[in-house]
Amino acid sequence: MEEDKIRQALLKKALGYEIDEVVSEYNLDQGGQEILSKKKVTKKHYAPDISAAKLLLERFYRTYEDKVLSMSDEELEREQERLEELLKKGENDGDS
């Protein structure tokens, strides 16, 4: 899914990441063929990006309050039942 790819890219940029940067040099041999003469691999660090983090949170991770405000009456009733069950289970676990 494209949305998942976007989310993963934003997450990577928001958290920062490292990559291996490869620089290769080639020379020609007597037959005119390219041969690898030098190869340098360095780690390149990309710092976390606060703009990407903000966008990620705003776009993909709405707060619970935002979710509740956008729920229909039926969804709110199901959520209420779910929370009541969690409370009952918590009360029963506390009695043991």
C-alpha atoms as a PDB file:
ATOM      1  CA  MET A   1       0.000   0.000   0.000  1.00  0.00           C
ATOM      2  CA  GLU A   2       1.215   3.466  -0.812  1.00  0.00           C
ATOM      3  CA  GLU A   3       0.062   4.866   2.540  1.00  0.00           C
ATOM      4  CA  ASP A   4       2.167   2.292   4.388  1.00  0.00           C
ATOM      5  CA  LYS A   5       5.218   3.213   2.308  1.00  0.00           C
ATOM      6  CA  ILE A   6       4.678   6.887   3.079  1.00  0.00           C
ATOM      7  CA  ARG A   7       4.240   6.162   6.789  1.00  0.00           C
ATOM      8  CA  GLN A   8       7.438   4.083   6.876  1.00  0.00           C
ATOM      9  CA  ALA A   9       9.412   6.763   5.005  1.00  0.00           C
ATOM     10  CA  LEU A  10       8.168   9.472   7.367  1.00  0.00           C
ATOM     11  CA  LEU A  11       8.960   7.313  10.385  1.00  0.00           C
ATOM     12  CA  LYS A  12      12.493   6.713   9.130  1.00  0.00           C
ATOM     13  CA  LYS A  13      13.034  10.438   8.539  1.00  0.00           C
ATOM     14  CA  ALA A  14      11.401  11.394  11.854  1.00  0.00           C
ATOM     15  CA  LEU A  15      13.622   9.038  13.873  1.00  0.00           C
ATOM     16  CA  GLY A  16      16.820   9.569  11.910  1.00  0.00           C
ATOM     17  CA  TYR A  17      18.828   6.846  10.221  1.00  0.00           C
ATOM     18  CA  GLU A  18      22.240   5.775   8.956  1.00  0.00           C
ATOM     19  CA  ILE A  19      23.195   4.496   5.539  1.00  0.00           C
ATOM     20  CA  ASP A  20      26.369   3.139   4.022  1.00  0.00           C
ATOM     21  CA  GLU A  21      27.653   5.531   1.389  1.00  0.00           C
ATOM     22  CA  VAL A  22      29.793   3.785  -1.212  1.00  0.00           C
ATOM     23  CA  VAL A  23      32.293   5.602  -3.439  1.00  0.00           C
ATOM     24  CA  SER A  24      33.932   3.474  -6.101  1.00  0.00           C
ATOM     25  CA  GLU A  25      36.817   4.391  -8.414  1.00  0.00           C
ATOM     26  CA  TYR A  26      37.556   2.497 -11.588  1.00  0.00           C
ATOM     27  CA  ASN A  27      40.587   2.360 -13.878  1.00  0.00           C
ATOM     28  CA  LEU A  28      40.945   0.890 -17.323  1.00  0.00           C
ATOM     29  CA  ASP A  29      43.132  -2.163 -17.805  1.00  0.00           C
ATOM     30  CA  GLN A  30      45.237  -2.721 -20.911  1.00  0.00           C
ATOM     31  CA  GLY A  31      42.275  -4.285 -22.690  1.00  0.00           C
ATOM     32  CA  GLY A  32      40.084  -1.231 -22.076  1.00  0.00           C
ATOM     33  CA  GLN A  33      37.985  -2.959 -19.442  1.00  0.00           C
ATOM     34  CA  GLU A  34      36.998  -1.097 -16.292  1.00  0.00           C
ATOM     35  CA  ILE A  35      38.401  -2.572 -13.109  1.00  0.00           C
ATOM     36  CA  LEU A  36      37.649  -1.498  -9.575  1.00  0.00           C
ATOM     37  CA  SER A  37      40.686   0.271  -8.130  1.00  0.00           C
ATOM     38  CA  LYS A  38      39.256   1.763  -4.912  1.00  0.00           C
ATOM     39  CA  LYS A  39      36.113   1.334  -2.898  1.00  0.00           C
ATOM     40  CA  LYS A  40      35.352   3.457   0.145  1.00  0.00           C
ATOM     41  CA  VAL A  41      32.380   2.743   2.403  1.00  0.00           C
ATOM     42  CA  THR A  42      31.412   5.313   5.014  1.00  0.00           C
ATOM     43  CA  LYS A  43      28.442   5.540   7.348  1.00  0.00           C
ATOM     44  CA  LYS A  44      26.353   8.625   6.747  1.00  0.00           C
ATOM     45  CA  HIS A  45      24.059   9.734   9.575  1.00  0.00           C
ATOM     46  CA  TYR A  46      20.823  11.611   8.957  1.00  0.00           C
ATOM     47  CA  ALA A  47      19.551  13.320  12.103  1.00  0.00           C
ATOM     48  CA  PRO A  48      15.897  13.087  13.168  1.00  0.00           C
ATOM     49  CA  ASP A  49      13.657  15.576  11.381  1.00  0.00           C
ATOM     50  CA  ILE A  50      11.134  17.342  13.625  1.00  0.00           C
ATOM     51  CA  SER A  51       8.958  18.380  10.665  1.00  0.00           C
ATOM     52  CA  ALA A  52       8.623  14.761   9.583  1.00  0.00           C
ATOM     53  CA  ALA A  53       7.767  13.742  13.153  1.00  0.00           C
ATOM     54  CA  LYS A  54       5.090  16.417  13.390  1.00  0.00           C
ATOM     55  CA  LEU A  55       3.578  15.457  10.040  1.00  0.00           C
ATOM     56  CA  LEU A  56       3.638  11.779  10.966  1.00  0.00           C
ATOM     57  CA  LEU A  57       1.832  12.408  14.228  1.00  0.00           C
ATOM     58  CA  GLU A  58      -0.722  14.752  12.697  1.00  0.00           C
ATOM     59  CA  ARG A  59      -1.475  12.600   9.667  1.00  0.00           C
ATOM     60  CA  PHE A  60      -1.232   9.027  10.875  1.00  0.00           C
ATOM     61  CA  TYR A  61      -1.479   8.976  14.665  1.00  0.00           C
ATOM     62  CA  ARG A  62      -4.499  10.885  15.786  1.00  0.00           C
ATOM     63  CA  THR A  63      -5.041  11.235  19.495  1.00  0.00           C
ATOM     64  CA  TYR A  64      -7.665   9.150  21.256  1.00  0.00           C
ATOM     65  CA  GLU A  65      -9.714  12.306  21.798  1.00  0.00           C
ATOM     66  CA  ASP A  66      -9.711  13.013  18.045  1.00  0.00           C
ATOM     67  CA  LYS A  67     -10.835   9.453  17.360  1.00  0.00           C
ATOM     68  CA  VAL A  68     -13.683   9.718  19.862  1.00  0.00           C
ATOM     69  CA  LEU A  69     -14.854  13.040  18.431  1.00  0.00           C
ATOM     70  CA  SER A  70     -15.086  11.521  14.966  1.00  0.00           C
ATOM     71  CA  MET A  71     -17.001   8.363  16.046  1.00  0.00           C
ATOM     72  CA  SER A  72     -20.609   7.715  15.163  1.00  0.00           C
ATOM     73  CA  ASP A  73     -23.168   6.991  17.884  1.00  0.00           C
ATOM     74  CA  GLU A  74     -22.890   3.249  17.217  1.00  0.00           C
ATOM     75  CA  GLU A  75     -19.086   3.374  17.420  1.00  0.00           C
ATOM     76  CA  LEU A  76     -19.299   5.317  20.687  1.00  0.00           C
ATOM     77  CA  GLU A  77     -21.645   2.707  22.166  1.00  0.00           C
ATOM     78  CA  ARG A  78     -19.249  -0.108  21.154  1.00  0.00           C
ATOM     79  CA  GLU A  79     -16.321   1.808  22.651  1.00  0.00           C
ATOM     80  CA  GLN A  80     -18.263   2.354  25.874  1.00  0.00           C
ATOM     81  CA  GLU A  81     -19.002  -1.385  26.082  1.00  0.00           C
ATOM     82  CA  ARG A  82     -15.355  -2.203  25.399  1.00  0.00           C
ATOM     83  CA  LEU A  83     -14.164   0.145  28.145  1.00  0.00           C
ATOM     84  CA  GLU A  84     -16.744  -1.179  30.614  1.00  0.00           C
ATOM     85  CA  GLU A  85     -15.521  -4.722  29.950  1.00  0.00           C
ATOM     86  CA  LEU A  86     -11.931  -3.612  30.563  1.00  0.00           C
ATOM     87  CA  LEU A  87     -12.970  -2.010  33.858  1.00  0.00           C
ATOM     88  CA  LYS A  88     -14.829  -5.158  34.964  1.00  0.00           C
ATOM     89  CA  LYS A  89     -11.863  -7.312  34.055  1.00  0.00           C
ATOM     90  CA  GLY A  90      -9.532  -4.978  35.957  1.00  0.00           C
ATOM     91  CA  GLU A  91     -11.755  -5.088  39.019  1.00  0.00           C
ATOM     92  CA  ASN A  92     -11.903  -8.890  38.894  1.00  0.00           C
ATOM     93  CA  ASP A  93      -8.128  -9.155  38.476  1.00  0.00           C
ATOM     94  CA  GLY A  94      -7.640  -6.891  41.502  1.00  0.00           C
ATOM     95  CA  ASP A  95      -9.764  -9.174  43.711  1.00  0.00           C
ATOM     96  CA  SER A  96      -7.436 -12.152  43.282  1.00  0.00           C
END
